[in-house]
Each structure stands twice: as C-alpha cells, then as structure tokens.
PDB file of N, CA and C in Angstrom:
ATOM      1  N   MET A   1       0.843  -1.172   0.000  1.00  0.00           N
ATOM      2  CA  MET A   1       0.000   0.000   0.000  1.00  0.00           C
ATOM      3  C   MET A   1       0.897   1.247   0.000  1.00  0.00           C
ATOM      4  N   ALA A   2       0.385   2.330  -0.557  1.00  0.00           N
ATOM      5  CA  ALA A   2       1.189   3.534  -0.752  1.00  0.00           C
ATOM      6  C   ALA A   2       0.502   4.751  -0.129  1.00  0.00           C
ATOM      7  N   LYS A   3       1.278   5.831  -0.045  1.00  0.00           N
ATOM      8  CA  LYS A   3       0.775   7.126   0.412  1.00  0.00           C
ATOM      9  C   LYS A   3       1.056   8.154  -0.671  1.00  0.00           C
ATOM     10  N   TYR A   4       0.111   9.056  -0.867  1.00  0.00           N
ATOM     11  CA  TYR A   4       0.225  10.129  -1.845  1.00  0.00           C
ATOM     12  C   TYR A   4      -0.037  11.450  -1.136  1.00  0.00           C
ATOM     13  N   ILE A   5       0.657  12.503  -1.547  1.00  0.00           N
ATOM     14  CA  ILE A   5       0.527  13.801  -0.900  1.00  0.00           C
ATOM     15  C   ILE A   5       0.052  14.864  -1.885  1.00  0.00           C
ATOM     16  N   CYS A   6      -0.793  15.753  -1.368  1.00  0.00           N
ATOM     17  CA  CYS A   6      -1.232  16.915  -2.151  1.00  0.00           C
ATOM     18  C   CYS A   6      -0.137  17.971  -2.052  1.00  0.00           C
ATOM     19  N   PRO A   7       0.438  18.394  -3.165  1.00  0.00           N
ATOM     20  CA  PRO A   7       1.504  19.380  -3.113  1.00  0.00           C
ATOM     21  C   PRO A   7       1.021  20.782  -2.726  1.00  0.00           C
ATOM     22  N   GLY A   8      -0.257  20.994  -2.735  1.00  0.00           N
ATOM     23  CA  GLY A   8      -0.790  22.300  -2.387  1.00  0.00           C
ATOM     24  C   GLY A   8      -0.933  22.522  -0.888  1.00  0.00           C
ATOM     25  N   CYS A   9      -1.443  21.496  -0.175  1.00  0.00           N
ATOM     26  CA  CYS A   9      -1.726  21.687   1.249  1.00  0.00           C
ATOM     27  C   CYS A   9      -1.056  20.662   2.161  1.00  0.00           C
ATOM     28  N   GLY A  10      -0.496  19.594   1.581  1.00  0.00           N
ATOM     29  CA  GLY A  10       0.179  18.591   2.394  1.00  0.00           C
ATOM     30  C   GLY A  10      -0.710  17.442   2.849  1.00  0.00           C
ATOM     31  N   TYR A  11      -1.986  17.443   2.463  1.00  0.00           N
ATOM     32  CA  TYR A  11      -2.873  16.319   2.798  1.00  0.00           C
ATOM     33  C   TYR A  11      -2.281  15.028   2.250  1.00  0.00           C
ATOM     34  N   GLN A  12      -2.344  13.953   3.035  1.00  0.00           N
ATOM     35  CA  GLN A  12      -1.853  12.661   2.571  1.00  0.00           C
ATOM     36  C   GLN A  12      -2.997  11.675   2.424  1.00  0.00           C
ATOM     37  N   TYR A  13      -3.043  11.030   1.262  1.00  0.00           N
ATOM     38  CA  TYR A  13      -3.980   9.917   1.057  1.00  0.00           C
ATOM     39  C   TYR A  13      -3.205   8.642   1.304  1.00  0.00           C
ATOM     40  N   ASP A  14      -3.618   7.907   2.317  1.00  0.00           N
ATOM     41  CA  ASP A  14      -2.987   6.637   2.692  1.00  0.00           C
ATOM     42  C   ASP A  14      -3.909   5.509   2.246  1.00  0.00           C
ATOM     43  N   GLU A  15      -3.437   4.663   1.347  1.00  0.00           N
ATOM     44  CA  GLU A  15      -4.274   3.575   0.830  1.00  0.00           C
ATOM     45  C   GLU A  15      -4.726   2.632   1.931  1.00  0.00           C
ATOM     46  N   VAL A  16      -3.938   2.469   2.974  1.00  0.00           N
ATOM     47  CA  VAL A  16      -4.316   1.595   4.091  1.00  0.00           C
ATOM     48  C   VAL A  16      -5.551   2.149   4.802  1.00  0.00           C
ATOM     49  N   LEU A  17      -5.576   3.460   4.989  1.00  0.00           N
ATOM     50  CA  LEU A  17      -6.667   4.095   5.728  1.00  0.00           C
ATOM     51  C   LEU A  17      -7.855   4.479   4.858  1.00  0.00           C
ATOM     52  N   GLY A  18      -7.616   4.709   3.557  1.00  0.00           N
ATOM     53  CA  GLY A  18      -8.674   5.211   2.687  1.00  0.00           C
ATOM     54  C   GLY A  18      -9.060   6.610   3.120  1.00  0.00           C
ATOM     55  N   GLU A  19     -10.270   7.003   2.843  1.00  0.00           N
ATOM     56  CA  GLU A  19     -10.795   8.311   3.290  1.00  0.00           C
ATOM     57  C   GLU A  19     -12.286   8.134   3.517  1.00  0.00           C
ATOM     58  N   PRO A  20     -12.639   7.494   4.658  1.00  0.00           N
ATOM     59  CA  PRO A  20     -14.043   7.177   4.928  1.00  0.00           C
ATOM     60  C   PRO A  20     -14.997   8.369   4.866  1.00  0.00           C
ATOM     61  N   ARG A  21     -14.540   9.562   5.251  1.00  0.00           N
ATOM     62  CA  ARG A  21     -15.447  10.727   5.216  1.00  0.00           C
ATOM     63  C   ARG A  21     -15.840  11.104   3.794  1.00  0.00           C
ATOM     64  N   GLU A  22     -15.036  10.637   2.810  1.00  0.00           N
ATOM     65  CA  GLU A  22     -15.346  10.880   1.402  1.00  0.00           C
ATOM     66  C   GLU A  22     -15.926   9.643   0.719  1.00  0.00           C
ATOM     67  N   GLY A  23     -16.070   8.555   1.491  1.00  0.00           N
ATOM     68  CA  GLY A  23     -16.662   7.330   0.952  1.00  0.00           C
ATOM     69  C   GLY A  23     -15.676   6.313   0.422  1.00  0.00           C
ATOM     70  N   TYR A  24     -14.376   6.494   0.692  1.00  0.00           N
ATOM     71  CA  TYR A  24     -13.351   5.551   0.222  1.00  0.00           C
ATOM     72  C   TYR A  24     -12.899   4.704   1.403  1.00  0.00           C
ATOM     73  N   VAL A  25     -13.311   3.451   1.397  1.00  0.00           N
ATOM     74  CA  VAL A  25     -13.048   2.547   2.516  1.00  0.00           C
ATOM     75  C   VAL A  25     -11.556   2.229   2.642  1.00  0.00           C
ATOM     76  N   PRO A  26     -11.123   1.845   3.849  1.00  0.00           N
ATOM     77  CA  PRO A  26      -9.726   1.434   4.017  1.00  0.00           C
ATOM     78  C   PRO A  26      -9.350   0.368   2.984  1.00  0.00           C
ATOM     79  N   GLY A  27      -8.149   0.493   2.443  1.00  0.00           N
ATOM     80  CA  GLY A  27      -7.681  -0.435   1.423  1.00  0.00           C
ATOM     81  C   GLY A  27      -7.947   0.014   0.002  1.00  0.00           C
ATOM     82  N   THR A  28      -8.599   1.160  -0.178  1.00  0.00           N
ATOM     83  CA  THR A  28      -8.875   1.674  -1.525  1.00  0.00           C
ATOM     84  C   THR A  28      -7.588   2.210  -2.143  1.00  0.00           C
ATOM     85  N   ALA A  29      -7.177   1.596  -3.238  1.00  0.00           N
ATOM     86  CA  ALA A  29      -5.955   2.024  -3.933  1.00  0.00           C
ATOM     87  C   ALA A  29      -6.169   3.402  -4.553  1.00  0.00           C
ATOM     88  N   PHE A  30      -5.112   4.190  -4.576  1.00  0.00           N
ATOM     89  CA  PHE A  30      -5.182   5.528  -5.181  1.00  0.00           C
ATOM     90  C   PHE A  30      -5.617   5.413  -6.637  1.00  0.00           C
ATOM     91  N   SER A  31      -5.147   4.402  -7.321  1.00  0.00           N
ATOM     92  CA  SER A  31      -5.500   4.205  -8.730  1.00  0.00           C
ATOM     93  C   SER A  31      -6.990   3.917  -8.924  1.00  0.00           C
ATOM     94  N   ASP A  32      -7.667   3.466  -7.861  1.00  0.00           N
ATOM     95  CA  ASP A  32      -9.096   3.179  -7.941  1.00  0.00           C
ATOM     96  C   ASP A  32      -9.974   4.395  -7.642  1.00  0.00           C
ATOM     97  N   LEU A  33      -9.359   5.497  -7.213  1.00  0.00           N
ATOM     98  CA  LEU A  33     -10.141   6.712  -6.982  1.00  0.00           C
ATOM     99  C   LEU A  33     -10.631   7.239  -8.327  1.00  0.00           C
ATOM    100  N   PRO A  34     -11.800   7.865  -8.352  1.00  0.00           N
ATOM    101  CA  PRO A  34     -12.331   8.353  -9.629  1.00  0.00           C
ATOM    102  C   PRO A  34     -11.447   9.445 -10.223  1.00  0.00           C
ATOM    103  N   GLU A  35     -11.504   9.601 -11.532  1.00  0.00           N
ATOM    104  CA  GLU A  35     -10.704  10.615 -12.223  1.00  0.00           C
ATOM    105  C   GLU A  35     -11.032  12.021 -11.727  1.00  0.00           C
ATOM    106  N   GLY A  36     -12.238  12.232 -11.247  1.00  0.00           N
ATOM    107  CA  GLY A  36     -12.645  13.540 -10.760  1.00  0.00           C
ATOM    108  C   GLY A  36     -12.248  13.813  -9.314  1.00  0.00           C
ATOM    109  N   PHE A  37     -11.476  12.915  -8.706  1.00  0.00           N
ATOM    110  CA  PHE A  37     -11.052  13.086  -7.315  1.00  0.00           C
ATOM    111  C   PHE A  37     -10.248  14.368  -7.160  1.00  0.00           C
ATOM    112  N   VAL A  38     -10.590  15.150  -6.135  1.00  0.00           N
ATOM    113  CA  VAL A  38      -9.815  16.336  -5.764  1.00  0.00           C
ATOM    114  C   VAL A  38      -9.468  16.223  -4.288  1.00  0.00           C
ATOM    115  N   CYS A  39      -8.455  16.945  -3.878  1.00  0.00           N
ATOM    116  CA  CYS A  39      -8.013  16.914  -2.492  1.00  0.00           C
ATOM    117  C   CYS A  39      -9.185  17.213  -1.564  1.00  0.00           C
ATOM    118  N   PRO A  40      -9.468  16.330  -0.591  1.00  0.00           N
ATOM    119  CA  PRO A  40     -10.581  16.577   0.313  1.00  0.00           C
ATOM    120  C   PRO A  40     -10.338  17.738   1.279  1.00  0.00           C
ATOM    121  N   ASP A  41      -9.088  18.147   1.461  1.00  0.00           N
ATOM    122  CA  ASP A  41      -8.808  19.256   2.377  1.00  0.00           C
ATOM    123  C   ASP A  41      -8.834  20.617   1.691  1.00  0.00           C
ATOM    124  N   CYS A  42      -8.136  20.766   0.570  1.00  0.00           N
ATOM    125  CA  CYS A  42      -8.056  22.085  -0.070  1.00  0.00           C
ATOM    126  C   CYS A  42      -8.953  22.211  -1.298  1.00  0.00           C
ATOM    127  N   ALA A  43      -9.367  21.093  -1.883  1.00  0.00           N
ATOM    128  CA  ALA A  43     -10.232  21.070  -3.069  1.00  0.00           C
ATOM    129  C   ALA A  43      -9.630  21.822  -4.262  1.00  0.00           C
ATOM    130  N   VAL A  44      -8.321  22.016  -4.237  1.00  0.00           N
ATOM    131  CA  VAL A  44      -7.645  22.730  -5.314  1.00  0.00           C
ATOM    132  C   VAL A  44      -6.912  21.764  -6.241  1.00  0.00           C
ATOM    133  N   ARG A  45      -6.264  20.785  -5.675  1.00  0.00           N
ATOM    134  CA  ARG A  45      -5.450  19.862  -6.472  1.00  0.00           C
ATOM    135  C   ARG A  45      -6.244  18.640  -6.892  1.00  0.00           C
ATOM    136  N   ALA A  46      -6.063  18.242  -8.152  1.00  0.00           N
ATOM    137  CA  ALA A  46      -6.727  17.082  -8.720  1.00  0.00           C
ATOM    138  C   ALA A  46      -5.858  15.837  -8.535  1.00  0.00           C
ATOM    139  N   LYS A  47      -6.448  14.698  -8.798  1.00  0.00           N
ATOM    140  CA  LYS A  47      -5.770  13.411  -8.621  1.00  0.00           C
ATOM    141  C   LYS A  47      -4.401  13.381  -9.298  1.00  0.00           C
ATOM    142  N   GLU A  48      -4.302  13.909 -10.509  1.00  0.00           N
ATOM    143  CA  GLU A  48      -3.033  13.840 -11.248  1.00  0.00           C
ATOM    144  C   GLU A  48      -1.937  14.711 -10.633  1.00  0.00           C
ATOM    145  N   ASP A  49      -2.311  15.621  -9.740  1.00  0.00           N
ATOM    146  CA  ASP A  49      -1.326  16.485  -9.077  1.00  0.00           C
ATOM    147  C   ASP A  49      -0.655  15.822  -7.877  1.00  0.00           C
ATOM    148  N   PHE A  50      -1.293  14.800  -7.312  1.00  0.00           N
ATOM    149  CA  PHE A  50      -0.765  14.144  -6.122  1.00  0.00           C
ATOM    150  C   PHE A  50       0.564  13.465  -6.438  1.00  0.00           C
ATOM    151  N   GLU A  51       1.440  13.435  -5.430  1.00  0.00           N
ATOM    152  CA  GLU A  51       2.761  12.849  -5.588  1.00  0.00           C
ATOM    153  C   GLU A  51       2.908  11.641  -4.674  1.00  0.00           C
ATOM    154  N   LEU A  52       3.494  10.581  -5.207  1.00  0.00           N
ATOM    155  CA  LEU A  52       3.774   9.387  -4.420  1.00  0.00           C
ATOM    156  C   LEU A  52       4.856   9.705  -3.402  1.00  0.00           C
ATOM    157  N   VAL A  53       4.612   9.416  -2.116  1.00  0.00           N
ATOM    158  CA  VAL A  53       5.614   9.705  -1.108  1.00  0.00           C
ATOM    159  C   VAL A  53       6.124   8.446  -0.404  1.00  0.00           C
ATOM    160  N   GLU A  54       5.381   7.360  -0.491  1.00  0.00           N
ATOM    161  CA  GLU A  54       5.796   6.130   0.188  1.00  0.00           C
ATOM    162  C   GLU A  54       5.086   4.934  -0.392  1.00  0.00           C
ATOM    163  N   GLU A  55       5.840   3.854  -0.588  1.00  0.00           N
ATOM    164  CA  GLU A  55       5.226   2.597  -1.048  1.00  0.00           C
ATOM    165  C   GLU A  55       5.386   1.544   0.003  1.00  0.00           C
TER     166      GLU A  55
END
C-alpha cells in the first residue's frame, strides 16, 4: 500500500486508511479513486497532481 501527498496543502492519502469521510473505505488504492477526485482538504489539487511519497 502507498501514500500520496497533495503538493498544495500537504494532505496525505494513505491507501491503508482510505478516506471514509469521502466514501473511500480502508484499502482503496489511489489508482481506484475516480478521475474527478480532488483533495478533500483544499479542493484545489486534482488526482493527477498528487505525488507518491511512500510505497
């Protein structure tokens, strides 16, 4: 499982944890997030802007 970071605000998407408040259950791979995914914290950065920080 990997972690991805929003370069705008520093929010981290952790595949182990998912993002339950947005409807993504623990274990949801970043690649499985919809193309329209935007940072849940800043809503500025899109999925393609996120950077891999840990595998």
